[in-house]
Amino acid sequence: MKKQVYVVEDNEDIGELIGYILNNEAYDVTICPNVAAFHLAMQQAVPDVIVLDVMLPDGNGIEVCKELKSSQKFTQVPVIIMSANADKKTVSKDACAEDFIGKPFNIDDFQHRVERYLE
């Protein structure tokens, strides 16, 4: 069974690139362009890892991460926060995410970080 990755990213080009990278690694990838779409996806299935942008059109990824980590159902799902505007220290302290990737990102580094949580 393929590992499931949810990517919450409002930039269509970045979402498409991430989807391409992860699909090539044989992961099942769901791209959510906003928080509302992400919440709908989470009602369908719990992913193996979540890649979550901070600045979204209908919410804040840090707040979404806090909500996930406070829920018994989702607390064990690894979350990787991505941002061009926030720094690792702030995100680690505020969001309780397992990892942080700054934008722009190195494709190989991105791939290795996601794979680490899918092993």
PDB file of N, CA and C in Angstrom:
ATOM      1  N   MET A   1       0.847  -1.188   0.000  1.00  0.00           N
ATOM      2  CA  MET A   1       0.000   0.000   0.000  1.00  0.00           C
ATOM      3  C   MET A   1       0.888   1.245   0.000  1.00  0.00           C
ATOM      4  N   LYS A   2       0.553   2.194  -0.871  1.00  0.00           N
ATOM      5  CA  LYS A   2       1.328   3.422  -0.981  1.00  0.00           C
ATOM      6  C   LYS A   2       1.168   4.285   0.262  1.00  0.00           C
ATOM      7  N   LYS A   3       2.245   4.952   0.635  1.00  0.00           N
ATOM      8  CA  LYS A   3       2.178   5.926   1.721  1.00  0.00           C
ATOM      9  C   LYS A   3       1.452   7.166   1.211  1.00  0.00           C
ATOM     10  N   GLN A   4       0.627   7.754   2.080  1.00  0.00           N
ATOM     11  CA  GLN A   4      -0.204   8.912   1.730  1.00  0.00           C
ATOM     12  C   GLN A   4       0.435  10.193   2.259  1.00  0.00           C
ATOM     13  N   VAL A   5       0.596  11.181   1.372  1.00  0.00           N
ATOM     14  CA  VAL A   5       1.135  12.487   1.742  1.00  0.00           C
ATOM     15  C   VAL A   5       0.111  13.552   1.369  1.00  0.00           C
ATOM     16  N   TYR A   6      -0.259  14.386   2.344  1.00  0.00           N
ATOM     17  CA  TYR A   6      -1.095  15.550   2.054  1.00  0.00           C
ATOM     18  C   TYR A   6      -0.183  16.768   1.995  1.00  0.00           C
ATOM     19  N   VAL A   7      -0.345  17.542   0.944  1.00  0.00           N
ATOM     20  CA  VAL A   7       0.423  18.774   0.769  1.00  0.00           C
ATOM     21  C   VAL A   7      -0.570  19.924   0.751  1.00  0.00           C
ATOM     22  N   VAL A   8      -0.413  20.847   1.695  1.00  0.00           N
ATOM     23  CA  VAL A   8      -1.294  22.016   1.771  1.00  0.00           C
ATOM     24  C   VAL A   8      -0.476  23.203   1.284  1.00  0.00           C
ATOM     25  N   GLU A   9      -0.712  23.584   0.036  1.00  0.00           N
ATOM     26  CA  GLU A   9       0.094  24.615  -0.634  1.00  0.00           C
ATOM     27  C   GLU A   9      -0.791  25.363  -1.616  1.00  0.00           C
ATOM     28  N   ASP A  10      -0.896  26.686  -1.442  1.00  0.00           N
ATOM     29  CA  ASP A  10      -1.768  27.480  -2.299  1.00  0.00           C
ATOM     30  C   ASP A  10      -1.101  27.905  -3.606  1.00  0.00           C
ATOM     31  N   ASN A  11       0.220  27.841  -3.689  1.00  0.00           N
ATOM     32  CA  ASN A  11       0.914  28.183  -4.928  1.00  0.00           C
ATOM     33  C   ASN A  11       0.856  26.963  -5.848  1.00  0.00           C
ATOM     34  N   GLU A  12       0.129  27.103  -6.936  1.00  0.00           N
ATOM     35  CA  GLU A  12      -0.111  25.972  -7.839  1.00  0.00           C
ATOM     36  C   GLU A  12       1.187  25.385  -8.390  1.00  0.00           C
ATOM     37  N   ASP A  13       2.151  26.232  -8.734  1.00  0.00           N
ATOM     38  CA  ASP A  13       3.416  25.745  -9.283  1.00  0.00           C
ATOM     39  C   ASP A  13       4.198  24.923  -8.259  1.00  0.00           C
ATOM     40  N   ILE A  14       4.254  25.412  -7.019  1.00  0.00           N
ATOM     41  CA  ILE A  14       4.972  24.681  -5.965  1.00  0.00           C
ATOM     42  C   ILE A  14       4.246  23.368  -5.664  1.00  0.00           C
ATOM     43  N   GLY A  15       2.930  23.411  -5.584  1.00  0.00           N
ATOM     44  CA  GLY A  15       2.155  22.197  -5.344  1.00  0.00           C
ATOM     45  C   GLY A  15       2.382  21.164  -6.436  1.00  0.00           C
ATOM     46  N   GLU A  16       2.403  21.625  -7.676  1.00  0.00           N
ATOM     47  CA  GLU A  16       2.635  20.721  -8.806  1.00  0.00           C
ATOM     48  C   GLU A  16       4.040  20.114  -8.737  1.00  0.00           C
ATOM     49  N   LEU A  17       5.033  20.920  -8.410  1.00  0.00           N
ATOM     50  CA  LEU A  17       6.411  20.421  -8.282  1.00  0.00           C
ATOM     51  C   LEU A  17       6.518  19.375  -7.166  1.00  0.00           C
ATOM     52  N   ILE A  18       5.947  19.682  -6.009  1.00  0.00           N
ATOM     53  CA  ILE A  18       5.985  18.744  -4.884  1.00  0.00           C
ATOM     54  C   ILE A  18       5.256  17.450  -5.254  1.00  0.00           C
ATOM     55  N   GLY A  19       4.109  17.582  -5.892  1.00  0.00           N
ATOM     56  CA  GLY A  19       3.369  16.398  -6.323  1.00  0.00           C
ATOM     57  C   GLY A  19       4.189  15.545  -7.276  1.00  0.00           C
ATOM     58  N   TYR A  20       4.871  16.179  -8.194  1.00  0.00           N
ATOM     59  CA  TYR A  20       5.709  15.459  -9.158  1.00  0.00           C
ATOM     60  C   TYR A  20       6.847  14.726  -8.445  1.00  0.00           C
ATOM     61  N   ILE A  21       7.523  15.419  -7.539  1.00  0.00           N
ATOM     62  CA  ILE A  21       8.641  14.818  -6.803  1.00  0.00           C
ATOM     63  C   ILE A  21       8.170  13.593  -6.025  1.00  0.00           C
ATOM     64  N   LEU A  22       7.086  13.734  -5.293  1.00  0.00           N
ATOM     65  CA  LEU A  22       6.624  12.649  -4.428  1.00  0.00           C
ATOM     66  C   LEU A  22       5.944  11.519  -5.199  1.00  0.00           C
ATOM     67  N   ASN A  23       5.254  11.851  -6.283  1.00  0.00           N
ATOM     68  CA  ASN A  23       4.658  10.797  -7.105  1.00  0.00           C
ATOM     69  C   ASN A  23       5.740   9.939  -7.747  1.00  0.00           C
ATOM     70  N   ASN A  24       6.868  10.541  -8.110  1.00  0.00           N
ATOM     71  CA  ASN A  24       7.986   9.781  -8.679  1.00  0.00           C
ATOM     72  C   ASN A  24       8.575   8.809  -7.668  1.00  0.00           C
ATOM     73  N   GLU A  25       8.366   9.075  -6.391  1.00  0.00           N
ATOM     74  CA  GLU A  25       8.836   8.183  -5.328  1.00  0.00           C
ATOM     75  C   GLU A  25       7.758   7.172  -4.945  1.00  0.00           C
ATOM     76  N   ALA A  26       6.692   7.122  -5.742  1.00  0.00           N
ATOM     77  CA  ALA A  26       5.600   6.165  -5.560  1.00  0.00           C
ATOM     78  C   ALA A  26       4.765   6.425  -4.301  1.00  0.00           C
ATOM     79  N   TYR A  27       4.638   7.686  -3.910  1.00  0.00           N
ATOM     80  CA  TYR A  27       3.747   8.046  -2.821  1.00  0.00           C
ATOM     81  C   TYR A  27       2.422   8.500  -3.416  1.00  0.00           C
ATOM     82  N   ASP A  28       1.361   8.341  -2.663  1.00  0.00           N
ATOM     83  CA  ASP A  28       0.043   8.821  -3.057  1.00  0.00           C
ATOM     84  C   ASP A  28      -0.070  10.239  -2.502  1.00  0.00           C
ATOM     85  N   VAL A  29      -0.136  11.220  -3.389  1.00  0.00           N
ATOM     86  CA  VAL A  29      -0.080  12.627  -2.984  1.00  0.00           C
ATOM     87  C   VAL A  29      -1.422  13.309  -3.238  1.00  0.00           C
ATOM     88  N   THR A  30      -1.905  14.021  -2.211  1.00  0.00           N
ATOM     89  CA  THR A  30      -3.100  14.846  -2.333  1.00  0.00           C
ATOM     90  C   THR A  30      -2.679  16.290  -2.116  1.00  0.00           C
ATOM     91  N   ILE A  31      -2.915  17.134  -3.111  1.00  0.00           N
ATOM     92  CA  ILE A  31      -2.587  18.557  -3.007  1.00  0.00           C
ATOM     93  C   ILE A  31      -3.851  19.308  -2.592  1.00  0.00           C
ATOM     94  N   CYS A  32      -3.753  20.034  -1.495  1.00  0.00           N
ATOM     95  CA  CYS A  32      -4.863  20.853  -1.000  1.00  0.00           C
ATOM     96  C   CYS A  32      -4.462  22.321  -1.151  1.00  0.00           C
ATOM     97  N   PRO A  33      -5.215  23.102  -1.931  1.00  0.00           N
ATOM     98  CA  PRO A  33      -4.826  24.494  -2.157  1.00  0.00           C
ATOM     99  C   PRO A  33      -5.174  25.446  -1.012  1.00  0.00           C
ATOM    100  N   ASN A  34      -5.892  24.935  -0.015  1.00  0.00           N
ATOM    101  CA  ASN A  34      -6.281  25.788   1.108  1.00  0.00           C
ATOM    102  C   ASN A  34      -6.652  24.923   2.317  1.00  0.00           C
ATOM    103  N   VAL A  35      -6.925  25.569   3.429  1.00  0.00           N
ATOM    104  CA  VAL A  35      -7.255  24.866   4.672  1.00  0.00           C
ATOM    105  C   VAL A  35      -8.584  24.121   4.549  1.00  0.00           C
ATOM    106  N   ALA A  36      -9.550  24.720   3.889  1.00  0.00           N
ATOM    107  CA  ALA A  36     -10.860  24.066   3.735  1.00  0.00           C
ATOM    108  C   ALA A  36     -10.720  22.736   2.996  1.00  0.00           C
ATOM    109  N   ALA A  37      -9.969  22.720   1.914  1.00  0.00           N
ATOM    110  CA  ALA A  37      -9.756  21.482   1.156  1.00  0.00           C
ATOM    111  C   ALA A  37      -9.000  20.463   2.004  1.00  0.00           C
ATOM    112  N   PHE A  38      -8.063  20.930   2.809  1.00  0.00           N
ATOM    113  CA  PHE A  38      -7.302  20.050   3.693  1.00  0.00           C
ATOM    114  C   PHE A  38      -8.225  19.391   4.724  1.00  0.00           C
ATOM    115  N   HIS A  39      -9.098  20.171   5.328  1.00  0.00           N
ATOM    116  CA  HIS A  39     -10.035  19.612   6.313  1.00  0.00           C
ATOM    117  C   HIS A  39     -10.947  18.560   5.678  1.00  0.00           C
ATOM    118  N   LEU A  40     -11.377  18.801   4.455  1.00  0.00           N
ATOM    119  CA  LEU A  40     -12.198  17.802   3.756  1.00  0.00           C
ATOM    120  C   LEU A  40     -11.388  16.520   3.513  1.00  0.00           C
ATOM    121  N   ALA A  41     -10.142  16.664   3.095  1.00  0.00           N
ATOM    122  CA  ALA A  41      -9.294  15.495   2.850  1.00  0.00           C
ATOM    123  C   ALA A  41      -9.070  14.714   4.141  1.00  0.00           C
ATOM    124  N   MET A  42      -8.885  15.421   5.252  1.00  0.00           N
ATOM    125  CA  MET A  42      -8.640  14.762   6.536  1.00  0.00           C
ATOM    126  C   MET A  42      -9.857  13.971   7.006  1.00  0.00           C
ATOM    127  N   GLN A  43     -11.057  14.342   6.545  1.00  0.00           N
ATOM    128  CA  GLN A  43     -12.260  13.588   6.878  1.00  0.00           C
ATOM    129  C   GLN A  43     -12.305  12.265   6.114  1.00  0.00           C
ATOM    130  N   GLN A  44     -11.609  12.208   4.970  1.00  0.00           N
ATOM    131  CA  GLN A  44     -11.606  11.006   4.140  1.00  0.00           C
ATOM    132  C   GLN A  44     -10.593   9.975   4.627  1.00  0.00           C
ATOM    133  N   ALA A  45      -9.389  10.437   4.976  1.00  0.00           N
ATOM    134  CA  ALA A  45      -8.320   9.522   5.397  1.00  0.00           C
ATOM    135  C   ALA A  45      -7.251  10.299   6.145  1.00  0.00           C
ATOM    136  N   VAL A  46      -6.563   9.615   7.029  1.00  0.00           N
ATOM    137  CA  VAL A  46      -5.455  10.223   7.766  1.00  0.00           C
ATOM    138  C   VAL A  46      -4.164   9.889   7.012  1.00  0.00           C
ATOM    139  N   PRO A  47      -3.401  10.903   6.601  1.00  0.00           N
ATOM    140  CA  PRO A  47      -2.185  10.649   5.823  1.00  0.00           C
ATOM    141  C   PRO A  47      -1.034  10.158   6.702  1.00  0.00           C
ATOM    142  N   ASP A  48       0.023   9.715   6.044  1.00  0.00           N
ATOM    143  CA  ASP A  48       1.227   9.284   6.756  1.00  0.00           C
ATOM    144  C   ASP A  48       2.119  10.468   7.108  1.00  0.00           C
ATOM    145  N   VAL A  49       2.024  11.538   6.346  1.00  0.00           N
ATOM    146  CA  VAL A  49       2.758  12.771   6.627  1.00  0.00           C
ATOM    147  C   VAL A  49       2.023  13.936   5.961  1.00  0.00           C
ATOM    148  N   ILE A  50       2.187  15.125   6.563  1.00  0.00           N
ATOM    149  CA  ILE A  50       1.565  16.343   6.037  1.00  0.00           C
ATOM    150  C   ILE A  50       2.656  17.370   5.788  1.00  0.00           C
ATOM    151  N   VAL A  51       2.657  17.959   4.583  1.00  0.00           N
ATOM    152  CA  VAL A  51       3.533  19.079   4.256  1.00  0.00           C
ATOM    153  C   VAL A  51       2.626  20.295   4.218  1.00  0.00           C
ATOM    154  N   LEU A  52       2.900  21.275   5.080  1.00  0.00           N
ATOM    155  CA  LEU A  52       1.951  22.359   5.341  1.00  0.00           C
ATOM    156  C   LEU A  52       2.603  23.724   5.187  1.00  0.00           C
ATOM    157  N   ASP A  53       2.111  24.499   4.236  1.00  0.00           N
ATOM    158  CA  ASP A  53       2.585  25.869   4.046  1.00  0.00           C
ATOM    159  C   ASP A  53       2.056  26.736   5.189  1.00  0.00           C
ATOM    160  N   VAL A  54       2.764  27.807   5.513  1.00  0.00           N
ATOM    161  CA  VAL A  54       2.323  28.694   6.590  1.00  0.00           C
ATOM    162  C   VAL A  54       1.267  29.674   6.096  1.00  0.00           C
ATOM    163  N   MET A  55       1.556  30.374   5.018  1.00  0.00           N
ATOM    164  CA  MET A  55       0.633  31.408   4.542  1.00  0.00           C
ATOM    165  C   MET A  55      -0.334  30.804   3.523  1.00  0.00           C
ATOM    166  N   LEU A  56      -1.591  30.675   3.943  1.00  0.00           N
ATOM    167  CA  LEU A  56      -2.626  30.106   3.103  1.00  0.00           C
ATOM    168  C   LEU A  56      -3.763  31.112   2.949  1.00  0.00           C
ATOM    169  N   PRO A  57      -4.539  31.023   1.875  1.00  0.00           N
ATOM    170  CA  PRO A  57      -5.570  32.038   1.635  1.00  0.00           C
ATOM    171  C   PRO A  57      -6.679  32.061   2.680  1.00  0.00           C
ATOM    172  N   ASP A  58      -6.898  30.942   3.355  1.00  0.00           N
ATOM    173  CA  ASP A  58      -8.000  30.887   4.319  1.00  0.00           C
ATOM    174  C   ASP A  58      -7.545  30.445   5.709  1.00  0.00           C
ATOM    175  N   GLY A  59      -6.284  30.631   6.002  1.00  0.00           N
ATOM    176  CA  GLY A  59      -5.802  30.246   7.318  1.00  0.00           C
ATOM    177  C   GLY A  59      -4.297  30.319   7.430  1.00  0.00           C
ATOM    178  N   ASN A  60      -3.808  29.906   8.583  1.00  0.00           N
ATOM    179  CA  ASN A  60      -2.387  29.956   8.884  1.00  0.00           C
ATOM    180  C   ASN A  60      -1.922  28.540   9.202  1.00  0.00           C
ATOM    181  N   GLY A  61      -0.890  28.076   8.506  1.00  0.00           N
ATOM    182  CA  GLY A  61      -0.389  26.721   8.695  1.00  0.00           C
ATOM    183  C   GLY A  61       0.068  26.430  10.111  1.00  0.00           C
ATOM    184  N   ILE A  62       0.603  27.429  10.795  1.00  0.00           N
ATOM    185  CA  ILE A  62       1.035  27.234  12.181  1.00  0.00           C
ATOM    186  C   ILE A  62      -0.168  26.921  13.062  1.00  0.00           C
ATOM    187  N   GLU A  63      -1.250  27.646  12.867  1.00  0.00           N
ATOM    188  CA  GLU A  63      -2.469  27.393  13.635  1.00  0.00           C
ATOM    189  C   GLU A  63      -3.061  26.028  13.290  1.00  0.00           C
ATOM    190  N   VAL A  64      -3.036  25.665  12.016  1.00  0.00           N
ATOM    191  CA  VAL A  64      -3.536  24.356  11.597  1.00  0.00           C
ATOM    192  C   VAL A  64      -2.712  23.253  12.253  1.00  0.00           C
ATOM    193  N   CYS A  65      -1.405  23.428  12.296  1.00  0.00           N
ATOM    194  CA  CYS A  65      -0.525  22.442  12.922  1.00  0.00           C
ATOM    195  C   CYS A  65      -0.829  22.306  14.412  1.00  0.00           C
ATOM    196  N   LYS A  66      -1.023  23.419  15.084  1.00  0.00           N
ATOM    197  CA  LYS A  66      -1.369  23.379  16.513  1.00  0.00           C
ATOM    198  C   LYS A  66      -2.661  22.593  16.739  1.00  0.00           C
ATOM    199  N   GLU A  67      -3.660  22.837  15.888  1.00  0.00           N
ATOM    200  CA  GLU A  67      -4.926  22.106  15.998  1.00  0.00           C
ATOM    201  C   GLU A  67      -4.709  20.610  15.812  1.00  0.00           C
ATOM    202  N   LEU A  68      -3.918  20.251  14.807  1.00  0.00           N
ATOM    203  CA  LEU A  68      -3.646  18.828  14.554  1.00  0.00           C
ATOM    204  C   LEU A  68      -2.963  18.176  15.745  1.00  0.00           C
ATOM    205  N   LYS A  69      -1.965  18.840  16.289  1.00  0.00           N
ATOM    206  CA  LYS A  69      -1.177  18.262  17.368  1.00  0.00           C
ATOM    207  C   LYS A  69      -1.950  18.211  18.686  1.00  0.00           C
ATOM    208  N   SER A  70      -3.035  18.968  18.790  1.00  0.00           N
ATOM    209  CA  SER A  70      -3.851  18.912  20.006  1.00  0.00           C
ATOM    210  C   SER A  70      -4.967  17.867  19.902  1.00  0.00           C
ATOM    211  N   SER A  71      -5.102  17.246  18.731  1.00  0.00           N
ATOM    212  CA  SER A  71      -6.135  16.232  18.506  1.00  0.00           C
ATOM    213  C   SER A  71      -5.560  14.832  18.702  1.00  0.00           C
ATOM    214  N   GLN A  72      -6.224  14.021  19.494  1.00  0.00           N
ATOM    215  CA  GLN A  72      -5.784  12.631  19.722  1.00  0.00           C
ATOM    216  C   GLN A  72      -5.660  11.878  18.401  1.00  0.00           C
ATOM    217  N   LYS A  73      -6.571  12.126  17.479  1.00  0.00           N
ATOM    218  CA  LYS A  73      -6.613  11.397  16.219  1.00  0.00           C
ATOM    219  C   LYS A  73      -5.413  11.708  15.319  1.00  0.00           C
ATOM    220  N   PHE A  74      -4.903  12.945  15.392  1.00  0.00           N
ATOM    221  CA  PHE A  74      -3.876  13.373  14.449  1.00  0.00           C
ATOM    222  C   PHE A  74      -2.518  13.672  15.076  1.00  0.00           C
ATOM    223  N   THR A  75      -2.397  13.577  16.380  1.00  0.00           N
ATOM    224  CA  THR A  75      -1.166  13.992  17.051  1.00  0.00           C
ATOM    225  C   THR A  75       0.071  13.227  16.589  1.00  0.00           C
ATOM    226  N   GLN A  76      -0.095  11.980  16.145  1.00  0.00           N
ATOM    227  CA  GLN A  76       1.048  11.167  15.718  1.00  0.00           C
ATOM    228  C   GLN A  76       1.423  11.359  14.249  1.00  0.00           C
ATOM    229  N   VAL A  77       0.635  12.127  13.499  1.00  0.00           N
ATOM    230  CA  VAL A  77       0.937  12.356  12.084  1.00  0.00           C
ATOM    231  C   VAL A  77       2.049  13.407  11.985  1.00  0.00           C
ATOM    232  N   PRO A  78       3.187  13.048  11.369  1.00  0.00           N
ATOM    233  CA  PRO A  78       4.269  14.017  11.232  1.00  0.00           C
ATOM    234  C   PRO A  78       3.861  15.184  10.331  1.00  0.00           C
ATOM    235  N   VAL A  79       4.223  16.389  10.767  1.00  0.00           N
ATOM    236  CA  VAL A  79       3.930  17.601   9.995  1.00  0.00           C
ATOM    237  C   VAL A  79       5.243  18.295   9.671  1.00  0.00           C
ATOM    238  N   ILE A  80       5.410  18.615   8.392  1.00  0.00           N
ATOM    239  CA  ILE A  80       6.555  19.395   7.937  1.00  0.00           C
ATOM    240  C   ILE A  80       6.011  20.746   7.493  1.00  0.00           C
ATOM    241  N   ILE A  81       6.439  21.791   8.167  1.00  0.00           N
ATOM    242  CA  ILE A  81       6.004  23.153   7.828  1.00  0.00           C
ATOM    243  C   ILE A  81       6.946  23.716   6.762  1.00  0.00           C
ATOM    244  N   MET A  82       6.351  24.403   5.778  1.00  0.00           N
ATOM    245  CA  MET A  82       7.142  25.091   4.748  1.00  0.00           C
ATOM    246  C   MET A  82       6.793  26.572   4.773  1.00  0.00           C
ATOM    247  N   SER A  83       7.817  27.408   4.613  1.00  0.00           N
ATOM    248  CA  SER A  83       7.539  28.842   4.566  1.00  0.00           C
ATOM    249  C   SER A  83       8.705  29.614   3.958  1.00  0.00           C
ATOM    250  N   ALA A  84       8.354  30.671   3.253  1.00  0.00           N
ATOM    251  CA  ALA A  84       9.351  31.605   2.757  1.00  0.00           C
ATOM    252  C   ALA A  84       9.511  32.762   3.733  1.00  0.00           C
ATOM    253  N   ASN A  85       8.544  32.919   4.651  1.00  0.00           N
ATOM    254  CA  ASN A  85       8.526  34.088   5.528  1.00  0.00           C
ATOM    255  C   ASN A  85       8.840  33.793   6.982  1.00  0.00           C
ATOM    256  N   ALA A  86       8.549  32.602   7.446  1.00  0.00           N
ATOM    257  CA  ALA A  86       8.810  32.241   8.845  1.00  0.00           C
ATOM    258  C   ALA A  86      10.172  31.571   8.936  1.00  0.00           C
ATOM    259  N   ASP A  87      10.739  31.552  10.145  1.00  0.00           N
ATOM    260  CA  ASP A  87      12.019  30.863  10.326  1.00  0.00           C
ATOM    261  C   ASP A  87      11.820  29.608  11.168  1.00  0.00           C
ATOM    262  N   LYS A  88      12.813  28.731  11.127  1.00  0.00           N
ATOM    263  CA  LYS A  88      12.715  27.435  11.788  1.00  0.00           C
ATOM    264  C   LYS A  88      12.463  27.579  13.287  1.00  0.00           C
ATOM    265  N   LYS A  89      13.130  28.518  13.927  1.00  0.00           N
ATOM    266  CA  LYS A  89      12.994  28.695  15.377  1.00  0.00           C
ATOM    267  C   LYS A  89      11.553  29.052  15.751  1.00  0.00           C
ATOM    268  N   THR A  90      10.981  29.999  15.030  1.00  0.00           N
ATOM    269  CA  THR A  90       9.611  30.425  15.301  1.00  0.00           C
ATOM    270  C   THR A  90       8.625  29.286  15.054  1.00  0.00           C
ATOM    271  N   VAL A  91       8.783  28.614  13.941  1.00  0.00           N
ATOM    272  CA  VAL A  91       7.868  27.534  13.588  1.00  0.00           C
ATOM    273  C   VAL A  91       7.978  26.390  14.589  1.00  0.00           C
ATOM    274  N   SER A  92       9.187  26.014  14.957  1.00  0.00           N
ATOM    275  CA  SER A  92       9.382  24.921  15.912  1.00  0.00           C
ATOM    276  C   SER A  92       8.724  25.236  17.248  1.00  0.00           C
ATOM    277  N   LYS A  93       8.870  26.467  17.682  1.00  0.00           N
ATOM    278  CA  LYS A  93       8.311  26.880  18.969  1.00  0.00           C
ATOM    279  C   LYS A  93       6.788  26.991  18.911  1.00  0.00           C
ATOM    280  N   ASP A  94       6.272  27.573  17.847  1.00  0.00           N
ATOM    281  CA  ASP A  94       4.853  27.884  17.775  1.00  0.00           C
ATOM    282  C   ASP A  94       3.977  26.761  17.217  1.00  0.00           C
ATOM    283  N   ALA A  95       4.496  25.948  16.330  1.00  0.00           N
ATOM    284  CA  ALA A  95       3.630  25.020  15.604  1.00  0.00           C
ATOM    285  C   ALA A  95       3.709  23.574  16.074  1.00  0.00           C
ATOM    286  N   CYS A  96       4.748  23.200  16.796  1.00  0.00           N
ATOM    287  CA  CYS A  96       4.921  21.804  17.222  1.00  0.00           C
ATOM    288  C   CYS A  96       5.124  20.861  16.042  1.00  0.00           C
ATOM    289  N   ALA A  97       5.605  21.374  14.925  1.00  0.00           N
ATOM    290  CA  ALA A  97       5.858  20.545  13.750  1.00  0.00           C
ATOM    291  C   ALA A  97       7.122  19.723  13.950  1.00  0.00           C
ATOM    292  N   GLU A  98       7.192  18.603  13.259  1.00  0.00           N
ATOM    293  CA  GLU A  98       8.370  17.742  13.345  1.00  0.00           C
ATOM    294  C   GLU A  98       9.549  18.307  12.573  1.00  0.00           C
ATOM    295  N   ASP A  99       9.266  19.110  11.529  1.00  0.00           N
ATOM    296  CA  ASP A  99      10.355  19.621  10.704  1.00  0.00           C
ATOM    297  C   ASP A  99       9.934  20.925  10.046  1.00  0.00           C
ATOM    298  N   PHE A 100      10.925  21.631   9.503  1.00  0.00           N
ATOM    299  CA  PHE A 100      10.699  22.897   8.818  1.00  0.00           C
ATOM    300  C   PHE A 100      11.546  22.922   7.559  1.00  0.00           C
ATOM    301  N   ILE A 101      10.944  23.360   6.453  1.00  0.00           N
ATOM    302  CA  ILE A 101      11.665  23.546   5.195  1.00  0.00           C
ATOM    303  C   ILE A 101      11.427  24.978   4.741  1.00  0.00           C
ATOM    304  N   GLY A 102      12.511  25.712   4.570  1.00  0.00           N
ATOM    305  CA  GLY A 102      12.406  27.076   4.079  1.00  0.00           C
ATOM    306  C   GLY A 102      12.254  27.090   2.563  1.00  0.00           C
ATOM    307  N   LYS A 103      11.526  28.069   2.086  1.00  0.00           N
ATOM    308  CA  LYS A 103      11.377  28.278   0.644  1.00  0.00           C
ATOM    309  C   LYS A 103      12.295  29.422   0.236  1.00  0.00           C
ATOM    310  N   PRO A 104      12.913  29.337  -0.899  1.00  0.00           N
ATOM    311  CA  PRO A 104      12.933  28.211  -1.825  1.00  0.00           C
ATOM    312  C   PRO A 104      13.675  27.030  -1.211  1.00  0.00           C
ATOM    313  N   PHE A 105      13.383  25.838  -1.692  1.00  0.00           N
ATOM    314  CA  PHE A 105      13.973  24.643  -1.112  1.00  0.00           C
ATOM    315  C   PHE A 105      14.755  23.852  -2.153  1.00  0.00           C
ATOM    316  N   ASN A 106      15.693  23.065  -1.664  1.00  0.00           N
ATOM    317  CA  ASN A 106      16.460  22.149  -2.489  1.00  0.00           C
ATOM    318  C   ASN A 106      15.610  20.892  -2.686  1.00  0.00           C
ATOM    319  N   ILE A 107      15.423  20.469  -3.918  1.00  0.00           N
ATOM    320  CA  ILE A 107      14.544  19.335  -4.216  1.00  0.00           C
ATOM    321  C   ILE A 107      15.024  18.059  -3.533  1.00  0.00           C
ATOM    322  N   ASP A 108      16.315  17.782  -3.594  1.00  0.00           N
ATOM    323  CA  ASP A 108      16.842  16.567  -2.960  1.00  0.00           C
ATOM    324  C   ASP A 108      16.645  16.606  -1.449  1.00  0.00           C
ATOM    325  N   ASP A 109      16.920  17.758  -0.838  1.00  0.00           N
ATOM    326  CA  ASP A 109      16.735  17.906   0.607  1.00  0.00           C
ATOM    327  C   ASP A 109      15.265  17.714   0.970  1.00  0.00           C
ATOM    328  N   PHE A 110      14.367  18.310   0.198  1.00  0.00           N
ATOM    329  CA  PHE A 110      12.930  18.157   0.433  1.00  0.00           C
ATOM    330  C   PHE A 110      12.536  16.684   0.398  1.00  0.00           C
ATOM    331  N   GLN A 111      12.962  16.000  -0.649  1.00  0.00           N
ATOM    332  CA  GLN A 111      12.633  14.593  -0.824  1.00  0.00           C
ATOM    333  C   GLN A 111      13.141  13.758   0.347  1.00  0.00           C
ATOM    334  N   HIS A 112      14.374  13.990   0.776  1.00  0.00           N
ATOM    335  CA  HIS A 112      14.945  13.220   1.888  1.00  0.00           C
ATOM    336  C   HIS A 112      14.218  13.489   3.200  1.00  0.00           C
ATOM    337  N   ARG A 113      13.835  14.731   3.422  1.00  0.00           N
ATOM    338  CA  ARG A 113      13.126  15.055   4.668  1.00  0.00           C
ATOM    339  C   ARG A 113      11.760  14.367   4.733  1.00  0.00           C
ATOM    340  N   VAL A 114      11.032  14.389   3.633  1.00  0.00           N
ATOM    341  CA  VAL A 114       9.729  13.725   3.615  1.00  0.00           C
ATOM    342  C   VAL A 114       9.915  12.219   3.790  1.00  0.00           C
ATOM    343  N   GLU A 115      10.863  11.648   3.076  1.00  0.00           N
ATOM    344  CA  GLU A 115      11.101  10.197   3.166  1.00  0.00           C
ATOM    345  C   GLU A 115      11.449   9.761   4.577  1.00  0.00           C
ATOM    346  N   ARG A 116      12.145  10.610   5.301  1.00  0.00           N
ATOM    347  CA  ARG A 116      12.532  10.278   6.672  1.00  0.00           C
ATOM    348  C   ARG A 116      11.303   9.968   7.531  1.00  0.00           C
ATOM    349  N   TYR A 117      10.216  10.657   7.300  1.00  0.00           N
ATOM    350  CA  TYR A 117       9.007  10.452   8.103  1.00  0.00           C
ATOM    351  C   TYR A 117       8.102   9.355   7.539  1.00  0.00           C
ATOM    352  N   LEU A 118       8.463   8.833   6.380  1.00  0.00           N
ATOM    353  CA  LEU A 118       7.653   7.779   5.765  1.00  0.00           C
ATOM    354  C   LEU A 118       8.282   6.401   5.895  1.00  0.00           C
ATOM    355  N   GLU A 119       9.429   6.324   6.499  1.00  0.00           N
ATOM    356  CA  GLU A 119      10.117   5.026   6.663  1.00  0.00           C
ATOM    357  C   GLU A 119       9.463   4.190   7.734  1.00  0.00           C
TER     358      GLU A 119
END
